[in-house]
Amino acid sequence: MLGRVKISPEKGTPIEDRVGFNNDWYVGAEHGLVHDGLQADGSLEVRLDWRDSARNEAHVAILRVNPWLAYGCGEGARLAVRKPGATEGTAATVQRTLRDDTVVLRRDGAEGELTVDPTPFTVVTATNPRHPPGTRLLLVHEGSCVDAVVEPWPTPVIEVKEGSRHELKVNGKHMSGWITLINKNGDVNVECDDDEENRGRAEADKVWHLTRRKELQMTSGCDANNSEKTGKITKLVAMKLLESRETEDQGVRGYVATIPGQSIASDDL
């Protein structure tokens, strides 16, 4: 039952003031909702039956109503967020639903959350691949295809809100170029690994990592403004520092090279 006809509070009350609908959620397709699947109003034909007891006559009326519609998706649903008119989007996982029926998403490989009204104009259904530990994959990493192996997840069970996440051991590709070691404000972007094995190495053989989470652009020349970009260095990539130079407007620039065949860990797939 979607609604009911209330008892007339006083004589002569119009029928439209007496018809009320339940404030509940229903699946439109299960109740004959007519809708184009986009943003237009949907319509629903409701049959109203009553009997005139004085005359012992049965009456029927067909009402066409326009219910308030919203697209819904549950926690853990996989969606691809896309701009209007775009054919591709960014995969994300639903974290929770808000009171106005919008949903909070966490995009794959990105920090922070995003609030989206889930309609056919903004999202489409995305896949949720799962691979057991030991599975070998060919992964697009830093713009190149590299070998990867699925590692055991740190916790026994992956929560549904985690989406399609895997712990991977990736063979990073070999890159070399110039990056900013210390910017003009004095912020340090890279640091030398402080472990016993690294301290025993020669200066040119020591392993370095980024100190910040945000990726760092690599260029072919020392001048970042007039050089071609050759790659990106992330916090997971190990590298060697081969040369460093001080510049007037860009701070300290360094020529680095990643370690060929070095395995790096990643928790996003």
C-alpha atoms as a PDB file:
ATOM      1  CA  MET A   1       0.000   0.000   0.000  1.00  0.00           C
ATOM      2  CA  LEU A   2       1.511   3.320  -1.100  1.00  0.00           C
ATOM      3  CA  GLY A   3      -1.024   5.572   0.660  1.00  0.00           C
ATOM      4  CA  ARG A   4      -4.545   5.960   1.954  1.00  0.00           C
ATOM      5  CA  VAL A   5      -7.571   8.284   2.010  1.00  0.00           C
ATOM      6  CA  LYS A   6      -7.941  10.021   5.338  1.00  0.00           C
ATOM      7  CA  ILE A   7     -11.252  10.519   7.114  1.00  0.00           C
ATOM      8  CA  SER A   8     -12.807  13.886   6.283  1.00  0.00           C
ATOM      9  CA  PRO A   9     -12.152  16.308   9.158  1.00  0.00           C
ATOM     10  CA  GLU A  10     -15.234  18.304   8.199  1.00  0.00           C
ATOM     11  CA  LYS A  11     -18.064  18.197   5.704  1.00  0.00           C
ATOM     12  CA  GLY A  12     -17.142  19.191   2.164  1.00  0.00           C
ATOM     13  CA  THR A  13     -13.377  18.563   2.419  1.00  0.00           C
ATOM     14  CA  PRO A  14     -12.021  18.045  -1.161  1.00  0.00           C
ATOM     15  CA  ILE A  15     -10.777  14.557  -1.962  1.00  0.00           C
ATOM     16  CA  GLU A  16      -7.328  15.855  -2.941  1.00  0.00           C
ATOM     17  CA  ASP A  17      -6.841  17.124   0.622  1.00  0.00           C
ATOM     18  CA  ARG A  18      -7.651  13.707   2.018  1.00  0.00           C
ATOM     19  CA  VAL A  19      -5.306  11.599  -0.137  1.00  0.00           C
ATOM     20  CA  GLY A  20      -1.961  10.987   1.533  1.00  0.00           C
ATOM     21  CA  PHE A  21       1.112   8.902   0.622  1.00  0.00           C
ATOM     22  CA  ASN A  22       3.478   7.024   2.906  1.00  0.00           C
ATOM     23  CA  ASN A  23       6.795   8.721   3.634  1.00  0.00           C
ATOM     24  CA  ASP A  24       8.785   5.600   2.766  1.00  0.00           C
ATOM     25  CA  TRP A  25      11.340   4.535   0.153  1.00  0.00           C
ATOM     26  CA  TYR A  26      10.191   2.250  -2.668  1.00  0.00           C
ATOM     27  CA  VAL A  27      11.888   0.872  -5.773  1.00  0.00           C
ATOM     28  CA  GLY A  28      10.115   2.633  -8.638  1.00  0.00           C
ATOM     29  CA  ALA A  29      10.522  -0.244 -11.097  1.00  0.00           C
ATOM     30  CA  GLU A  30       8.609  -2.527  -8.739  1.00  0.00           C
ATOM     31  CA  HIS A  31       5.558  -0.239  -8.658  1.00  0.00           C
ATOM     32  CA  GLY A  32       5.121   0.683 -12.327  1.00  0.00           C
ATOM     33  CA  LEU A  33       7.010   3.968 -12.300  1.00  0.00           C
ATOM     34  CA  VAL A  34       7.284   5.543 -15.754  1.00  0.00           C
ATOM     35  CA  HIS A  35      10.582   7.406 -16.089  1.00  0.00           C
ATOM     36  CA  ASP A  36      13.143   8.203 -18.803  1.00  0.00           C
ATOM     37  CA  GLY A  37      16.082   7.250 -16.541  1.00  0.00           C
ATOM     38  CA  LEU A  38      17.537  10.755 -16.573  1.00  0.00           C
ATOM     39  CA  GLN A  39      16.411  13.955 -14.856  1.00  0.00           C
ATOM     40  CA  ALA A  40      12.745  14.309 -15.898  1.00  0.00           C
ATOM     41  CA  ASP A  41       9.851  13.826 -13.463  1.00  0.00           C
ATOM     42  CA  GLY A  42       8.526  10.311 -13.209  1.00  0.00           C
ATOM     43  CA  SER A  43       4.833   9.425 -13.074  1.00  0.00           C
ATOM     44  CA  LEU A  44       2.950   6.688 -11.303  1.00  0.00           C
ATOM     45  CA  GLU A  45      -0.642   5.595 -11.866  1.00  0.00           C
ATOM     46  CA  VAL A  46      -2.406   4.689  -8.631  1.00  0.00           C
ATOM     47  CA  ARG A  47      -5.804   2.996  -8.435  1.00  0.00           C
ATOM     48  CA  LEU A  48      -8.207   4.287  -5.810  1.00  0.00           C
ATOM     49  CA  ASP A  49     -11.199   2.048  -4.899  1.00  0.00           C
ATOM     50  CA  TRP A  50     -14.102   2.973  -2.649  1.00  0.00           C
ATOM     51  CA  ARG A  51     -17.743   1.978  -2.077  1.00  0.00           C
ATOM     52  CA  ASP A  52     -20.799   4.150  -1.574  1.00  0.00           C
ATOM     53  CA  SER A  53     -22.484   2.313   1.300  1.00  0.00           C
ATOM     54  CA  ALA A  54     -25.710   4.286   0.982  1.00  0.00           C
ATOM     55  CA  ARG A  55     -26.221   3.273  -2.648  1.00  0.00           C
ATOM     56  CA  ASN A  56     -24.176   0.064  -2.440  1.00  0.00           C
ATOM     57  CA  GLU A  57     -22.106   1.166  -5.449  1.00  0.00           C
ATOM     58  CA  ALA A  58     -18.416   0.515  -6.093  1.00  0.00           C
ATOM     59  CA  HIS A  59     -16.296   3.313  -7.575  1.00  0.00           C
ATOM     60  CA  VAL A  60     -12.801   3.381  -9.070  1.00  0.00           C
ATOM     61  CA  ALA A  61     -10.485   6.323  -9.825  1.00  0.00           C
ATOM     62  CA  ILE A  62      -7.058   6.313 -11.480  1.00  0.00           C
ATOM     63  CA  LEU A  63      -4.695   8.954 -10.111  1.00  0.00           C
ATOM     64  CA  ARG A  64      -1.517  10.016 -11.855  1.00  0.00           C
ATOM     65  CA  VAL A  65       1.023  11.226  -9.322  1.00  0.00           C
ATOM     66  CA  ASN A  66       4.558  12.562  -9.611  1.00  0.00           C
ATOM     67  CA  PRO A  67       6.580  11.131  -6.705  1.00  0.00           C
ATOM     68  CA  TRP A  68       9.835  12.661  -5.539  1.00  0.00           C
ATOM     69  CA  LEU A  69      12.638  10.625  -7.096  1.00  0.00           C
ATOM     70  CA  ALA A  70      16.242  10.043  -6.096  1.00  0.00           C
ATOM     71  CA  TYR A  71      18.936   7.612  -7.204  1.00  0.00           C
ATOM     72  CA  GLY A  72      20.302   5.524  -4.375  1.00  0.00           C
ATOM     73  CA  CYS A  73      23.379   3.374  -3.843  1.00  0.00           C
ATOM     74  CA  GLY A  74      24.590   1.560  -0.759  1.00  0.00           C
ATOM     75  CA  GLU A  75      27.796   1.738   1.230  1.00  0.00           C
ATOM     76  CA  GLY A  76      30.642   0.055  -0.633  1.00  0.00           C
ATOM     77  CA  ALA A  77      29.086   0.539  -4.091  1.00  0.00           C
ATOM     78  CA  ARG A  78      31.608   1.166  -6.851  1.00  0.00           C
ATOM     79  CA  LEU A  79      31.000   4.220  -9.039  1.00  0.00           C
ATOM     80  CA  ALA A  80      32.884   6.037 -11.775  1.00  0.00           C
ATOM     81  CA  VAL A  81      32.562   9.792 -11.301  1.00  0.00           C
ATOM     82  CA  ARG A  82      32.454  11.674 -14.572  1.00  0.00           C
ATOM     83  CA  LYS A  83      31.849  15.193 -15.841  1.00  0.00           C
ATOM     84  CA  PRO A  84      28.709  15.888 -17.939  1.00  0.00           C
ATOM     85  CA  GLY A  85      29.261  14.622 -21.475  1.00  0.00           C
ATOM     86  CA  ALA A  86      32.433  12.693 -20.616  1.00  0.00           C
ATOM     87  CA  THR A  87      32.779   9.013 -21.540  1.00  0.00           C
ATOM     88  CA  GLU A  88      35.317   8.151 -18.833  1.00  0.00           C
ATOM     89  CA  GLY A  89      35.505   8.862 -15.126  1.00  0.00           C
ATOM     90  CA  THR A  90      37.446   8.273 -11.919  1.00  0.00           C
ATOM     91  CA  ALA A  91      36.601   5.093 -10.005  1.00  0.00           C
ATOM     92  CA  ALA A  92      35.424   5.624  -6.429  1.00  0.00           C
ATOM     93  CA  THR A  93      33.793   3.792  -3.513  1.00  0.00           C
ATOM     94  CA  VAL A  94      30.708   4.966  -1.610  1.00  0.00           C
ATOM     95  CA  GLN A  95      31.542   5.695   2.044  1.00  0.00           C
ATOM     96  CA  ARG A  96      28.154   6.822   3.378  1.00  0.00           C
ATOM     97  CA  THR A  97      24.834   8.420   2.405  1.00  0.00           C
ATOM     98  CA  LEU A  98      23.812  11.887   3.569  1.00  0.00           C
ATOM     99  CA  ARG A  99      20.346  13.082   4.576  1.00  0.00           C
ATOM    100  CA  ASP A 100      19.712  14.769   1.201  1.00  0.00           C
ATOM    101  CA  ASP A 101      20.467  11.468  -0.619  1.00  0.00           C
ATOM    102  CA  THR A 102      23.852  12.599  -1.881  1.00  0.00           C
ATOM    103  CA  VAL A 103      26.723  10.185  -1.226  1.00  0.00           C
ATOM    104  CA  VAL A 104      30.258  10.618   0.060  1.00  0.00           C
ATOM    105  CA  LEU A 105      32.869   8.956  -2.175  1.00  0.00           C
ATOM    106  CA  ARG A 106      36.546   8.130  -1.848  1.00  0.00           C
ATOM    107  CA  ARG A 107      38.302   8.113  -5.193  1.00  0.00           C
ATOM    108  CA  ASP A 108      40.900   5.462  -5.965  1.00  0.00           C
ATOM    109  CA  GLY A 109      44.454   6.657  -5.452  1.00  0.00           C
ATOM    110  CA  ALA A 110      43.420  10.058  -4.045  1.00  0.00           C
ATOM    111  CA  GLU A 111      43.196  11.590  -0.589  1.00  0.00           C
ATOM    112  CA  GLY A 112      40.089  13.196   0.839  1.00  0.00           C
ATOM    113  CA  GLU A 113      36.415  12.631   0.104  1.00  0.00           C
ATOM    114  CA  LEU A 114      33.988  13.865  -2.515  1.00  0.00           C
ATOM    115  CA  THR A 115      30.229  14.476  -2.233  1.00  0.00           C
ATOM    116  CA  VAL A 116      28.183  13.587  -5.331  1.00  0.00           C
ATOM    117  CA  ASP A 117      24.513  13.435  -6.243  1.00  0.00           C
ATOM    118  CA  PRO A 118      24.401   9.981  -7.910  1.00  0.00           C
ATOM    119  CA  THR A 119      22.524  10.476 -11.181  1.00  0.00           C
ATOM    120  CA  PRO A 120      23.157   9.118 -14.702  1.00  0.00           C
ATOM    121  CA  PHE A 121      24.738  12.496 -15.521  1.00  0.00           C
ATOM    122  CA  THR A 122      27.399  12.312 -12.802  1.00  0.00           C
ATOM    123  CA  VAL A 123      28.240   8.635 -12.179  1.00  0.00           C
ATOM    124  CA  VAL A 124      28.074   5.197 -13.762  1.00  0.00           C
ATOM    125  CA  THR A 125      28.541   1.752 -12.259  1.00  0.00           C
ATOM    126  CA  ALA A 126      32.188   0.719 -11.894  1.00  0.00           C
ATOM    127  CA  THR A 127      33.812  -2.691 -11.447  1.00  0.00           C
ATOM    128  CA  ASN A 128      35.217  -4.052  -8.191  1.00  0.00           C
ATOM    129  CA  PRO A 129      38.003  -6.536  -9.093  1.00  0.00           C
ATOM    130  CA  ARG A 130      39.425  -8.745  -6.345  1.00  0.00           C
ATOM    131  CA  HIS A 131      42.645 -10.748  -6.681  1.00  0.00           C
ATOM    132  CA  PRO A 132      43.970 -13.291  -4.155  1.00  0.00           C
ATOM    133  CA  PRO A 133      47.548 -12.971  -2.805  1.00  0.00           C
ATOM    134  CA  GLY A 134      50.174 -14.277  -5.199  1.00  0.00           C
ATOM    135  CA  THR A 135      48.340 -13.182  -8.367  1.00  0.00           C
ATOM    136  CA  ARG A 136      50.704 -11.730 -10.968  1.00  0.00           C
ATOM    137  CA  LEU A 137      49.442  -8.611 -12.733  1.00  0.00           C
ATOM    138  CA  LEU A 138      50.555  -6.285 -15.493  1.00  0.00           C
ATOM    139  CA  LEU A 139      50.069  -2.827 -13.980  1.00  0.00           C
ATOM    140  CA  VAL A 140      50.196   0.620 -15.565  1.00  0.00           C
ATOM    141  CA  HIS A 141      52.455   2.484 -13.139  1.00  0.00           C
ATOM    142  CA  GLU A 142      53.798   5.979 -13.785  1.00  0.00           C
ATOM    143  CA  GLY A 143      52.598   5.746 -17.380  1.00  0.00           C
ATOM    144  CA  SER A 144      54.376   2.454 -18.146  1.00  0.00           C
ATOM    145  CA  CYS A 145      53.472  -1.253 -17.904  1.00  0.00           C
ATOM    146  CA  VAL A 146      55.292  -2.994 -15.049  1.00  0.00           C
ATOM    147  CA  ASP A 147      55.071  -6.398 -13.353  1.00  0.00           C
ATOM    148  CA  ALA A 148      53.271  -6.587 -10.012  1.00  0.00           C
ATOM    149  CA  VAL A 149      52.403  -9.287  -7.475  1.00  0.00           C
ATOM    150  CA  VAL A 150      49.434  -9.127  -5.078  1.00  0.00           C
ATOM    151  CA  GLU A 151      50.595  -9.238  -1.449  1.00  0.00           C
ATOM    152  CA  PRO A 152      48.478 -10.349   1.565  1.00  0.00           C
ATOM    153  CA  TRP A 153      46.289  -7.531   2.906  1.00  0.00           C
ATOM    154  CA  PRO A 154      47.498  -6.268   6.334  1.00  0.00           C
ATOM    155  CA  THR A 155      44.150  -7.070   7.993  1.00  0.00           C
ATOM    156  CA  PRO A 156      42.261 -10.387   7.655  1.00  0.00           C
ATOM    157  CA  VAL A 157      39.149  -8.816   6.097  1.00  0.00           C
ATOM    158  CA  ILE A 158      38.914  -5.913   3.651  1.00  0.00           C
ATOM    159  CA  GLU A 159      36.013  -3.663   4.617  1.00  0.00           C
ATOM    160  CA  VAL A 160      33.411  -3.071   1.942  1.00  0.00           C
ATOM    161  CA  LYS A 161      34.179   0.671   2.042  1.00  0.00           C
ATOM    162  CA  GLU A 162      37.783   0.001   1.046  1.00  0.00           C
ATOM    163  CA  GLY A 163      36.611  -0.760  -2.482  1.00  0.00           C
ATOM    164  CA  SER A 164      39.052  -2.328  -4.924  1.00  0.00           C
ATOM    165  CA  ARG A 165      42.276  -2.022  -2.943  1.00  0.00           C
ATOM    166  CA  HIS A 166      45.231  -4.388  -2.972  1.00  0.00           C
ATOM    167  CA  GLU A 167      48.682  -4.493  -1.423  1.00  0.00           C
ATOM    168  CA  LEU A 168      51.060  -4.842  -4.371  1.00  0.00           C
ATOM    169  CA  LYS A 169      54.755  -5.378  -4.890  1.00  0.00           C
ATOM    170  CA  VAL A 170      55.599  -3.486  -8.074  1.00  0.00           C
ATOM    171  CA  ASN A 171      58.775  -3.533 -10.139  1.00  0.00           C
ATOM    172  CA  GLY A 172      59.291   0.170 -10.744  1.00  0.00           C
ATOM    173  CA  LYS A 173      60.522   1.385 -14.099  1.00  0.00           C
ATOM    174  CA  HIS A 174      63.931   3.039 -14.501  1.00  0.00           C
ATOM    175  CA  MET A 175      63.808   6.842 -14.779  1.00  0.00           C
ATOM    176  CA  SER A 176      66.349   9.607 -14.500  1.00  0.00           C
ATOM    177  CA  GLY A 177      66.096  13.390 -14.495  1.00  0.00           C
ATOM    178  CA  TRP A 178      66.052  16.558 -12.403  1.00  0.00           C
ATOM    179  CA  ILE A 179      63.786  17.145  -9.408  1.00  0.00           C
ATOM    180  CA  THR A 180      63.569  19.862  -6.735  1.00  0.00           C
ATOM    181  CA  LEU A 181      65.399  18.680  -3.611  1.00  0.00           C
ATOM    182  CA  ILE A 182      64.802  21.859  -1.592  1.00  0.00           C
ATOM    183  CA  ASN A 183      62.396  24.505  -2.844  1.00  0.00           C
ATOM    184  CA  LYS A 184      63.004  28.245  -2.596  1.00  0.00           C
ATOM    185  CA  ASN A 185      61.080  28.425   0.706  1.00  0.00           C
ATOM    186  CA  GLY A 186      63.456  25.946   2.329  1.00  0.00           C
ATOM    187  CA  ASP A 187      61.097  22.954   2.346  1.00  0.00           C
ATOM    188  CA  VAL A 188      62.975  19.672   1.922  1.00  0.00           C
ATOM    189  CA  ASN A 189      61.383  17.273  -0.591  1.00  0.00           C
ATOM    190  CA  VAL A 190      63.763  14.287  -0.334  1.00  0.00           C
ATOM    191  CA  GLU A 191      65.765  12.610   2.381  1.00  0.00           C
ATOM    192  CA  CYS A 192      68.371   9.881   2.603  1.00  0.00           C
ATOM    193  CA  ASP A 193      67.208   6.622   4.202  1.00  0.00           C
ATOM    194  CA  ASP A 194      68.557   6.432   7.742  1.00  0.00           C
ATOM    195  CA  ASP A 195      69.395   2.760   8.162  1.00  0.00           C
ATOM    196  CA  GLU A 196      72.594   0.850   8.835  1.00  0.00           C
ATOM    197  CA  GLU A 197      72.806  -0.583   5.314  1.00  0.00           C
ATOM    198  CA  ASN A 198      72.440   2.841   3.711  1.00  0.00           C
ATOM    199  CA  ARG A 199      74.998   4.495   5.993  1.00  0.00           C
ATOM    200  CA  GLY A 200      77.621   1.976   4.879  1.00  0.00           C
ATOM    201  CA  ARG A 201      77.238   2.817   1.201  1.00  0.00           C
ATOM    202  CA  ALA A 202      79.175   5.324  -0.854  1.00  0.00           C
ATOM    203  CA  GLU A 203      77.490   8.707  -1.310  1.00  0.00           C
ATOM    204  CA  ALA A 204      76.474   7.988  -4.916  1.00  0.00           C
ATOM    205  CA  ASP A 205      74.972   4.604  -3.947  1.00  0.00           C
ATOM    206  CA  LYS A 206      72.784   5.779  -1.066  1.00  0.00           C
ATOM    207  CA  VAL A 207      69.009   5.376  -1.394  1.00  0.00           C
ATOM    208  CA  TRP A 208      66.719   8.418  -1.207  1.00  0.00           C
ATOM    209  CA  HIS A 209      62.925   8.849  -0.892  1.00  0.00           C
ATOM    210  CA  LEU A 210      60.486  11.729  -0.998  1.00  0.00           C
ATOM    211  CA  THR A 211      59.550  13.277   2.342  1.00  0.00           C
ATOM    212  CA  ARG A 212      56.154  14.514   1.125  1.00  0.00           C
ATOM    213  CA  ARG A 213      53.145  12.515  -0.006  1.00  0.00           C
ATOM    214  CA  LYS A 214      52.478  14.568  -3.138  1.00  0.00           C
ATOM    215  CA  GLU A 215      54.308  13.419  -6.266  1.00  0.00           C
ATOM    216  CA  LEU A 216      57.242  15.356  -7.679  1.00  0.00           C
ATOM    217  CA  GLN A 217      57.726  16.170 -11.354  1.00  0.00           C
ATOM    218  CA  MET A 218      60.935  15.029 -13.051  1.00  0.00           C
ATOM    219  CA  THR A 219      62.380  17.028 -15.972  1.00  0.00           C
ATOM    220  CA  SER A 220      65.109  16.401 -18.495  1.00  0.00           C
ATOM    221  CA  GLY A 221      67.017  19.581 -17.607  1.00  0.00           C
ATOM    222  CA  CYS A 222      67.932  21.464 -14.449  1.00  0.00           C
ATOM    223  CA  ASP A 223      65.646  24.365 -15.391  1.00  0.00           C
ATOM    224  CA  ALA A 224      62.153  23.019 -14.683  1.00  0.00           C
ATOM    225  CA  ASN A 225      60.436  25.842 -16.588  1.00  0.00           C
ATOM    226  CA  ASN A 226      62.235  25.198 -19.868  1.00  0.00           C
ATOM    227  CA  SER A 227      62.684  21.421 -19.774  1.00  0.00           C
ATOM    228  CA  GLU A 228      60.565  18.506 -20.895  1.00  0.00           C
ATOM    229  CA  LYS A 229      58.819  16.458 -18.213  1.00  0.00           C
ATOM    230  CA  THR A 230      60.139  12.909 -18.172  1.00  0.00           C
ATOM    231  CA  GLY A 231      58.193  11.325 -15.298  1.00  0.00           C
ATOM    232  CA  LYS A 232      56.895  11.572 -11.749  1.00  0.00           C
ATOM    233  CA  ILE A 233      58.519  10.548  -8.496  1.00  0.00           C
ATOM    234  CA  THR A 234      56.232   9.324  -5.710  1.00  0.00           C
ATOM    235  CA  LYS A 235      56.959   8.587  -2.068  1.00  0.00           C
ATOM    236  CA  LEU A 236      57.134   4.862  -2.838  1.00  0.00           C
ATOM    237  CA  VAL A 237      59.957   5.199  -5.386  1.00  0.00           C
ATOM    238  CA  ALA A 238      63.567   4.611  -4.260  1.00  0.00           C
ATOM    239  CA  MET A 239      66.252   6.613  -6.084  1.00  0.00           C
ATOM    240  CA  LYS A 240      69.901   7.613  -6.085  1.00  0.00           C
ATOM    241  CA  LEU A 241      71.125  11.198  -6.037  1.00  0.00           C
ATOM    242  CA  LEU A 242      73.844  11.721  -8.670  1.00  0.00           C
ATOM    243  CA  GLU A 243      74.227  15.516  -8.723  1.00  0.00           C
ATOM    244  CA  SER A 244      72.812  18.647  -7.068  1.00  0.00           C
ATOM    245  CA  ARG A 245      72.821  22.333  -8.037  1.00  0.00           C
ATOM    246  CA  GLU A 246      71.642  25.517  -6.356  1.00  0.00           C
ATOM    247  CA  THR A 247      69.418  27.792  -8.439  1.00  0.00           C
ATOM    248  CA  GLU A 248      68.210  31.334  -7.802  1.00  0.00           C
ATOM    249  CA  ASP A 249      64.478  30.825  -8.384  1.00  0.00           C
ATOM    250  CA  GLN A 250      63.911  27.068  -7.896  1.00  0.00           C
ATOM    251  CA  GLY A 251      65.956  26.224  -4.811  1.00  0.00           C
ATOM    252  CA  VAL A 252      68.221  23.167  -4.918  1.00  0.00           C
ATOM    253  CA  ARG A 253      67.763  20.902  -7.931  1.00  0.00           C
ATOM    254  CA  GLY A 254      69.098  17.351  -8.065  1.00  0.00           C
ATOM    255  CA  TYR A 255      69.717  14.814 -10.804  1.00  0.00           C
ATOM    256  CA  VAL A 256      68.350  11.459  -9.617  1.00  0.00           C
ATOM    257  CA  ALA A 257      67.924   7.979 -11.057  1.00  0.00           C
ATOM    258  CA  THR A 258      65.537   5.286  -9.910  1.00  0.00           C
ATOM    259  CA  ILE A 259      66.942   1.871  -9.065  1.00  0.00           C
ATOM    260  CA  PRO A 260      66.286  -0.656 -11.889  1.00  0.00           C
ATOM    261  CA  GLY A 261      64.185  -3.618 -10.735  1.00  0.00           C
ATOM    262  CA  GLN A 262      63.566  -2.054  -7.321  1.00  0.00           C
ATOM    263  CA  SER A 263      60.319  -3.400  -5.831  1.00  0.00           C
ATOM    264  CA  ILE A 264      57.996  -0.808  -4.365  1.00  0.00           C
ATOM    265  CA  ALA A 265      54.852  -1.306  -2.308  1.00  0.00           C
ATOM    266  CA  SER A 266      51.486   0.099  -3.259  1.00  0.00           C
ATOM    267  CA  ASP A 267      48.010  -0.291  -1.744  1.00  0.00           C
ATOM    268  CA  ASP A 268      45.947   1.001  -4.665  1.00  0.00           C
ATOM    269  CA  LEU A 269      44.946  -0.945  -7.772  1.00  0.00           C
END
